[in-house]
Amino acid sequence: MRPSHALNPRLFGRRLFLAGGALTLMGAGVGAAQANTVIGKAVKITGDVTRRQAGHLEGLSAGASLMDRDFVATGKESFAALALGDDTSLLLGSETELLIDSFIAGQGGTIELGTGQMMFDRAEGLTKIDFSMRTAFGMIGVRGTKFFAGPSRDAAFAIFVEHGLVEVTGGGVTRQVGRGEGVDFAAPGAAPTAVARWGQARIREAYASVGAG
């Protein structure tokens, strides 16, 4: 089903929060930057990808600037590779909705994942940043890492960490997820499962879903 572009991005975060929580990177919070601040760019676009900003909807093409409060949505069999600053990237899978709430290069920011799947990628060894990601399923705290987030096999939502450490909170339960490990969520508001190591087949499936297979 094609993502609904009628969704008002300013109500997007509230809808997710009421549904079950938020994903937040560990560390001090970063204040929201003003809208219309250029914070990155679209690196690669495959298929039908749109951007909504202040009520204006347009197609998103490679090389286009990204701004705070951009609401990006991918269509069926469509993918987007986005760069935030010089060293943070996001890969969006098919039928994914993402709001870039705010981002400040070298400091961090906030995004909201509505539907679909994505990968956050920041190379090891870089200065740690404070970054938050909200979803309907829980709260994730991350500082400088690479992780996948989205549906996976029988799980309604899952987190897998390739490197770094994330703190996942949902349903009143917090899990520490490290390199090669993941957790699943059965439904919004449910607690994450116990931490488990993922096999290579499942990792490949998850990465393929964001065009990184």
Protein backbone atom coordinates (compact mmCIF):
# COMPACT_ATOMS: atom_id res chain seq x y z
CA MET A 1 0.00 0.00 0.00
CA ARG A 2 1.35 3.42 -1.00
CA PRO A 3 2.23 5.68 2.00
CA SER A 4 -0.32 8.38 2.67
CA HIS A 5 1.18 11.75 1.80
CA ALA A 6 -1.87 13.42 3.30
CA LEU A 7 -0.33 12.89 6.72
CA ASN A 8 0.42 16.21 8.38
CA PRO A 9 4.09 16.09 9.45
CA ARG A 10 3.38 18.39 12.42
CA LEU A 11 0.96 15.79 13.79
CA PHE A 12 3.24 12.90 12.85
CA GLY A 13 5.33 12.86 16.03
CA ARG A 14 2.32 13.20 18.32
CA ARG A 15 0.57 10.31 16.61
CA LEU A 16 3.62 8.10 17.11
CA PHE A 17 4.19 9.17 20.70
CA LEU A 18 0.60 8.42 21.70
CA ALA A 19 0.85 5.06 19.95
CA GLY A 20 3.65 3.83 22.11
CA GLY A 21 6.84 5.79 22.62
CA ALA A 22 10.00 7.06 20.99
CA LEU A 23 13.48 6.00 19.98
CA THR A 24 16.12 8.27 21.51
CA LEU A 25 19.91 8.21 21.30
CA MET A 26 21.81 8.19 24.60
CA GLY A 27 23.19 11.48 25.83
CA ALA A 28 21.97 15.01 26.31
CA GLY A 29 19.13 16.19 24.07
CA VAL A 30 19.73 18.47 21.13
CA GLY A 31 17.50 21.50 20.71
CA ALA A 32 15.41 21.65 17.57
CA ALA A 33 16.88 23.78 14.84
CA GLN A 34 14.69 26.19 12.94
CA ALA A 35 12.75 24.86 9.96
CA ASN A 36 14.19 25.48 6.49
CA THR A 37 17.76 24.93 7.72
CA VAL A 38 19.65 22.84 5.15
CA ILE A 39 20.99 19.85 7.05
CA GLY A 40 21.86 17.35 4.32
CA LYS A 41 21.00 16.04 0.89
CA ALA A 42 19.44 13.17 -1.02
CA VAL A 43 22.33 11.01 -2.25
CA LYS A 44 20.52 8.33 -4.26
CA ILE A 45 16.84 7.99 -5.17
CA THR A 46 15.28 4.89 -6.70
CA GLY A 47 11.66 4.94 -7.82
CA ASP A 48 8.96 7.20 -6.36
CA VAL A 49 10.19 9.30 -3.43
CA THR A 50 8.57 12.52 -2.23
CA ARG A 51 9.32 15.27 0.24
CA ARG A 52 6.74 17.39 2.06
CA GLN A 53 7.84 20.65 3.68
CA ALA A 54 5.43 23.22 5.16
CA GLY A 55 2.50 21.73 3.27
CA HIS A 56 4.30 21.66 -0.08
CA LEU A 57 4.68 18.22 -1.69
CA GLU A 58 7.28 17.52 -4.38
CA GLY A 59 9.31 14.70 -5.83
CA LEU A 60 12.70 14.19 -4.21
CA SER A 61 15.65 13.72 -6.57
CA ALA A 62 19.31 12.91 -6.01
CA GLY A 63 21.30 16.00 -5.06
CA ALA A 64 18.34 17.84 -3.57
CA SER A 65 18.93 19.57 -0.23
CA LEU A 66 17.26 18.26 2.92
CA MET A 67 15.92 20.58 5.61
CA ASP A 68 14.62 20.31 9.13
CA ARG A 69 10.94 19.30 9.13
CA ASP A 70 11.22 17.47 5.81
CA PHE A 71 8.78 14.56 5.63
CA VAL A 72 10.18 11.96 3.23
CA ALA A 73 8.11 9.07 1.88
CA THR A 74 9.09 6.25 -0.47
CA GLY A 75 6.68 4.42 -2.74
CA LYS A 76 6.41 0.74 -3.54
CA GLU A 77 9.76 -0.77 -4.60
CA SER A 78 11.38 2.62 -4.02
CA PHE A 79 14.44 3.51 -1.93
CA ALA A 80 16.24 6.62 -0.69
CA ALA A 81 19.79 7.17 0.54
CA LEU A 82 20.01 10.39 2.55
CA ALA A 83 23.03 12.17 4.03
CA LEU A 84 22.78 14.23 7.21
CA GLY A 85 25.85 16.39 7.60
CA ASP A 86 29.07 14.90 6.26
CA ASP A 87 29.18 11.61 8.12
CA THR A 88 25.69 10.37 8.96
CA SER A 89 23.51 8.50 6.48
CA LEU A 90 20.00 7.09 6.42
CA LEU A 91 18.78 4.38 4.05
CA LEU A 92 15.00 4.17 3.60
CA GLY A 93 13.28 1.07 2.31
CA SER A 94 10.12 0.65 0.27
CA GLU A 95 6.90 2.30 1.54
CA THR A 96 8.67 4.10 4.36
CA GLU A 97 7.69 7.41 5.99
CA LEU A 98 10.29 9.49 7.83
CA LEU A 99 10.17 12.94 9.40
CA ILE A 100 13.51 14.73 9.89
CA ASP A 101 12.51 16.75 12.92
CA SER A 102 15.88 18.44 13.40
CA PHE A 103 19.57 17.85 12.80
CA ILE A 104 22.73 19.78 13.64
CA ALA A 105 25.97 18.51 12.12
CA GLY A 106 28.37 17.24 14.75
CA GLN A 107 25.73 17.41 17.49
CA GLY A 108 22.73 15.27 16.54
CA GLY A 109 19.00 15.67 16.28
CA THR A 110 15.67 13.87 16.04
CA ILE A 111 13.85 11.81 13.42
CA GLU A 112 10.52 9.99 13.44
CA LEU A 113 9.99 6.69 11.64
CA GLY A 114 6.33 6.17 10.85
CA THR A 115 6.07 3.12 8.59
CA GLY A 116 8.61 0.95 6.83
CA GLN A 117 12.26 0.31 7.55
CA MET A 118 15.50 2.26 7.64
CA MET A 119 19.19 2.01 8.44
CA PHE A 120 21.15 4.59 10.44
CA ASP A 121 24.85 4.56 9.62
CA ARG A 122 27.66 6.51 11.25
CA ALA A 123 31.20 5.21 11.01
CA GLU A 124 33.02 3.90 14.06
CA GLY A 125 35.59 6.17 15.65
CA LEU A 126 33.80 9.44 14.95
CA THR A 127 32.88 11.95 17.63
CA LYS A 128 29.73 10.79 19.40
CA ILE A 129 26.52 12.67 18.67
CA ASP A 130 23.17 12.72 20.46
CA PHE A 131 20.43 11.54 18.14
CA SER A 132 16.85 10.48 18.74
CA MET A 133 14.42 8.38 16.73
CA ARG A 134 10.75 8.11 17.59
CA THR A 135 8.46 5.29 16.50
CA ALA A 136 5.21 3.72 17.59
CA PHE A 137 7.11 0.84 19.19
CA GLY A 138 9.47 2.29 21.76
CA MET A 139 12.56 4.32 22.48
CA ILE A 140 16.06 3.66 21.17
CA GLY A 141 19.14 5.39 22.54
CA VAL A 142 22.23 5.41 20.30
CA ARG A 143 25.55 7.24 20.17
CA GLY A 144 27.60 6.69 17.03
CA THR A 145 26.54 3.38 15.57
CA LYS A 146 25.04 1.49 12.66
CA PHE A 147 21.66 -0.10 13.13
CA PHE A 148 18.59 -1.35 11.25
CA ALA A 149 15.04 -0.55 12.36
CA GLY A 150 11.81 -1.90 10.89
CA PRO A 151 9.71 -5.02 10.33
CA SER A 152 11.72 -8.23 10.16
CA ARG A 153 10.38 -11.73 9.56
CA ASP A 154 7.62 -12.39 12.10
CA ALA A 155 8.40 -9.30 14.17
CA ALA A 156 6.19 -6.24 13.72
CA PHE A 157 9.31 -4.16 14.41
CA ALA A 158 12.92 -5.01 15.16
CA ILE A 159 16.27 -3.39 15.92
CA PHE A 160 19.59 -4.88 14.81
CA VAL A 161 22.96 -3.32 15.68
CA GLU A 162 25.94 -3.90 13.38
CA HIS A 163 28.33 -1.88 15.52
CA GLY A 164 28.03 0.38 18.53
CA LEU A 165 25.52 0.16 21.35
CA VAL A 166 21.86 1.08 21.50
CA GLU A 167 19.45 1.26 24.40
CA VAL A 168 15.94 0.14 23.47
CA THR A 169 12.99 0.93 25.72
CA GLY A 170 9.38 -0.15 25.26
CA GLY A 171 6.54 -1.32 27.46
CA GLY A 172 8.49 -0.25 30.55
CA VAL A 173 11.43 -2.53 29.70
CA THR A 174 14.91 -1.40 28.61
CA ARG A 175 17.43 -3.56 26.74
CA GLN A 176 21.06 -2.86 25.91
CA VAL A 177 21.75 -4.07 22.36
CA GLY A 178 25.33 -4.45 21.16
CA ARG A 179 27.28 -5.51 18.10
CA GLY A 180 25.62 -8.35 16.17
CA GLU A 181 22.55 -8.35 18.41
CA GLY A 182 18.89 -7.47 17.97
CA VAL A 183 15.51 -7.29 19.67
CA ASP A 184 11.95 -7.68 18.37
CA PHE A 185 8.64 -6.00 19.16
CA ALA A 186 5.36 -7.88 18.81
CA ALA A 187 3.21 -4.72 18.72
CA PRO A 188 3.28 -1.01 19.59
CA GLY A 189 3.57 -0.61 23.35
CA ALA A 190 4.92 -4.12 23.87
CA ALA A 191 8.22 -4.75 25.62
CA PRO A 192 11.21 -5.67 23.45
CA THR A 193 12.19 -9.33 23.48
CA ALA A 194 15.36 -10.55 25.15
CA VAL A 195 18.51 -9.59 23.27
CA ALA A 196 19.60 -12.25 20.77
CA ARG A 197 22.28 -12.63 18.13
CA TRP A 198 21.03 -12.47 14.55
CA GLY A 199 22.10 -14.99 11.93
CA GLN A 200 23.57 -13.89 8.61
CA ALA A 201 20.44 -14.82 6.65
CA ARG A 202 18.25 -12.52 8.72
CA ILE A 203 20.80 -9.70 8.57
CA ARG A 204 20.95 -9.98 4.77
CA GLU A 205 17.14 -9.86 4.55
CA ALA A 206 16.98 -6.75 6.72
CA TYR A 207 19.69 -4.94 4.76
CA ALA A 208 18.09 -5.88 1.43
CA SER A 209 14.84 -4.26 2.58
CA VAL A 210 16.59 -0.85 2.66
CA GLY A 211 18.47 -1.38 -0.60
CA ALA A 212 21.73 -2.30 1.10
CA GLY A 213 21.73 -5.99 0.29
